[in-house]
Protein backbone atom coordinates (compact mmCIF):
# COMPACT_ATOMS: atom_id res chain seq x y z
CA UNK A 1 -53.29 -90.13 132.45
CA UNK A 2 -51.77 -88.07 129.67
CA UNK A 3 -48.13 -87.68 129.42
CA UNK A 4 -46.89 -84.48 128.04
CA UNK A 5 -43.47 -84.19 126.63
CA UNK A 6 -42.12 -80.72 126.61
CA UNK A 7 -38.82 -79.92 125.21
CA UNK A 8 -36.93 -77.70 127.55
CA UNK A 9 -34.55 -75.29 125.88
CA UNK A 10 -31.92 -73.72 128.10
CA UNK A 11 -32.34 -69.92 128.47
CA UNK A 12 -28.95 -69.09 126.91
CA UNK A 13 -29.87 -71.05 123.79
CA UNK A 14 -33.28 -69.32 123.63
CA UNK A 15 -31.53 -65.94 123.68
CA UNK A 16 -29.19 -67.06 120.88
CA UNK A 17 -32.07 -68.29 118.71
CA UNK A 18 -33.98 -65.06 119.30
CA UNK A 19 -30.91 -62.98 118.34
CA UNK A 20 -30.37 -65.02 115.18
CA UNK A 21 -33.99 -64.55 114.17
CA UNK A 22 -33.81 -60.81 114.90
CA UNK A 23 -30.55 -60.36 112.98
CA UNK A 24 -31.99 -62.37 110.11
CA UNK A 25 -35.03 -60.09 109.92
CA UNK A 26 -32.87 -56.95 110.09
CA UNK A 27 -30.59 -58.22 107.34
CA UNK A 28 -33.62 -59.15 105.27
CA UNK A 29 -35.03 -55.62 105.69
CA UNK A 30 -31.70 -54.03 104.78
CA UNK A 31 -31.42 -56.24 101.71
CA UNK A 32 -34.92 -55.26 100.58
CA UNK A 33 -34.06 -51.56 101.03
CA UNK A 34 -30.85 -51.93 99.03
CA UNK A 35 -32.68 -53.70 96.20
CA UNK A 36 -35.39 -51.03 96.09
CA UNK A 37 -32.75 -48.28 96.07
CA UNK A 38 -30.73 -49.90 93.30
CA UNK A 39 -33.90 -50.43 91.30
CA UNK A 40 -34.96 -46.79 91.57
CA UNK A 41 -31.58 -45.14 90.77
CA UNK A 42 -31.60 -46.10 87.06
CA UNK A 43 -35.13 -44.67 86.87
CA UNK A 44 -33.90 -41.35 88.25
CA UNK A 45 -30.97 -41.31 85.83
CA UNK A 46 -33.32 -42.15 82.99
CA UNK A 47 -35.61 -39.26 83.98
CA UNK A 48 -32.66 -36.83 83.83
CA UNK A 49 -31.71 -38.05 80.39
CA UNK A 50 -35.34 -37.76 79.26
CA UNK A 51 -35.34 -34.10 80.35
CA UNK A 52 -32.30 -33.43 78.22
CA UNK A 53 -33.85 -35.18 75.22
CA UNK A 54 -36.99 -33.01 75.27
CA UNK A 55 -35.17 -30.53 73.04
CA UNK A 56 -34.22 -31.62 69.55
CA UNK A 57 -30.51 -32.08 68.91
CA UNK A 58 -28.58 -29.12 67.51
CA UNK A 59 -27.50 -29.81 63.91
CA UNK A 60 -24.54 -27.83 62.58
CA UNK A 61 -25.58 -28.72 59.01
CA UNK A 62 -28.85 -26.80 59.32
CA UNK A 63 -27.39 -23.59 60.76
CA UNK A 64 -28.95 -20.44 59.44
CA UNK A 65 -29.36 -16.74 60.20
CA UNK A 66 -32.59 -14.81 60.42
CA UNK A 67 -33.83 -11.55 61.87
CA UNK A 68 -37.12 -10.07 62.86
CA UNK A 69 -39.25 -8.48 65.55
CA UNK A 70 -40.27 -10.35 68.69
CA UNK A 71 -44.02 -10.95 68.52
CA UNK A 72 -44.40 -13.32 71.51
CA UNK A 73 -42.31 -14.42 74.47
CA UNK A 74 -43.38 -17.82 75.84
CA UNK A 75 -42.16 -20.16 78.57
CA UNK A 76 -42.33 -23.82 77.57
CA UNK A 77 -42.07 -26.67 80.10
CA UNK A 78 -38.64 -28.30 80.06
CA UNK A 79 -38.30 -31.25 82.38
CA UNK A 80 -39.53 -31.10 85.93
CA UNK A 81 -38.06 -27.87 87.25
CA UNK A 82 -37.12 -25.78 84.23
CA UNK A 83 -38.85 -23.63 81.66
CA UNK A 84 -37.50 -22.83 78.20
CA UNK A 85 -37.76 -19.34 76.72
CA UNK A 86 -39.34 -19.39 73.28
CA UNK A 87 -39.45 -16.31 71.09
CA UNK A 88 -41.82 -16.09 68.15
CA UNK A 89 -40.53 -13.48 65.76
CA UNK A 90 -42.09 -11.91 62.70
CA UNK A 91 -39.87 -11.81 59.67
CA UNK A 92 -41.93 -10.34 56.84
CA UNK A 93 -45.12 -12.42 56.72
CA UNK A 94 -43.50 -15.43 58.43
CA UNK A 95 -43.61 -16.32 62.11
CA UNK A 96 -40.46 -18.11 63.29
CA UNK A 97 -40.19 -20.05 66.56
CA UNK A 98 -36.86 -19.60 68.35
CA UNK A 99 -35.88 -21.78 71.32
CA UNK A 100 -33.43 -19.63 73.27
CA UNK A 101 -32.43 -21.07 76.67
CA UNK A 102 -33.83 -22.11 80.06
CA UNK A 103 -35.48 -19.25 81.97
CA UNK A 104 -33.10 -19.82 84.90
CA UNK A 105 -30.09 -19.20 82.62
CA UNK A 106 -31.73 -16.10 81.18
CA UNK A 107 -32.34 -14.74 84.69
CA UNK A 108 -28.82 -15.60 85.84
CA UNK A 109 -27.36 -13.74 82.84
CA UNK A 110 -29.62 -10.74 83.50
CA UNK A 111 -31.20 -10.74 80.05
CA UNK A 112 -34.83 -10.44 79.03
CA UNK A 113 -36.90 -10.27 75.89
CA UNK A 114 -40.01 -8.23 75.16
CA UNK A 115 -42.51 -7.90 72.36
CA UNK A 116 -41.15 -5.44 69.81
CA UNK A 117 -37.44 -6.25 70.34
CA UNK A 118 -35.51 -6.29 67.05
CA UNK A 119 -33.23 -9.34 67.01
CA UNK A 120 -31.11 -11.39 64.67
CA UNK A 121 -30.44 -15.05 65.36
CA UNK A 122 -27.96 -17.67 64.26
CA UNK A 123 -29.03 -21.20 65.05
CA UNK A 124 -29.97 -24.65 63.89
CA UNK A 125 -33.30 -25.11 62.11
CA UNK A 126 -34.77 -28.40 63.36
CA UNK A 127 -38.11 -30.17 63.66
CA UNK A 128 -39.91 -30.26 67.00
CA UNK A 129 -42.88 -32.54 66.40
CA UNK A 130 -44.47 -30.96 63.28
CA UNK A 131 -43.05 -27.48 63.91
CA UNK A 132 -39.87 -25.95 62.46
CA UNK A 133 -37.90 -24.25 65.24
CA UNK A 134 -34.53 -22.59 65.49
CA UNK A 135 -32.27 -23.54 68.39
CA UNK A 136 -30.49 -20.27 69.05
CA UNK A 137 -26.69 -20.34 69.18
CA UNK A 138 -26.14 -16.58 68.99
CA UNK A 139 -28.66 -13.80 69.26
CA UNK A 140 -28.03 -10.10 68.64
CA UNK A 141 -30.29 -7.66 70.44
CA UNK A 142 -29.36 -4.01 70.04
CA UNK A 143 -25.60 -3.82 70.57
CA UNK A 144 -25.46 -7.04 72.62
CA UNK A 145 -24.41 -10.38 71.16
CA UNK A 146 -25.67 -13.18 73.36
CA UNK A 147 -24.11 -16.65 73.05
CA UNK A 148 -26.23 -19.63 74.09
CA UNK A 149 -24.28 -22.50 72.50
CA UNK A 150 -20.64 -23.16 71.69
CA UNK A 151 -19.28 -23.70 68.18
CA UNK A 152 -20.33 -27.36 68.26
CA UNK A 153 -23.91 -26.51 69.26
CA UNK A 154 -23.59 -27.61 72.89
CA UNK A 155 -25.50 -25.44 75.39
CA UNK A 156 -23.34 -23.10 77.49
CA UNK A 157 -25.72 -23.64 80.44
CA UNK A 158 -25.67 -26.74 82.64
CA UNK A 159 -28.35 -29.08 81.19
CA UNK A 160 -29.06 -30.55 84.65
CA UNK A 161 -29.80 -27.25 86.39
CA UNK A 162 -30.59 -24.93 83.49
CA UNK A 163 -28.08 -22.37 84.83
């Protein structure tokens, strides 16, 4: 004859043990979610700062003026949701690349550029990869003077939204 020893746990204690196990699993799940969230937030902040660093930094020491005729109007990718307006102007035999502003800012201000527009630009001549570009601070088109950066070279649009 086999004797079987079974441990009998009172029902109220069983309920308590079950609740502790359940609460432990819930807390564990919440903790995992919090860790994942905290881990991903710096990545999102880093992505925003990477978008802003796509453009070269404005340099007051390299400010210059130039004028010419718009030969091309291009939209360059800028971050995840924005496009940057680039004008390529002809000045004599030279072609000069001008980075103006995000397309969203241009649309919000109600301005546009077309091939053949006569413009003059004041801005910072900088290197973008191997290319010399001018980051426009002020641009004169016809009788309009358009300001894209303040006196320190900071954009007048919101770098996060492009507006």
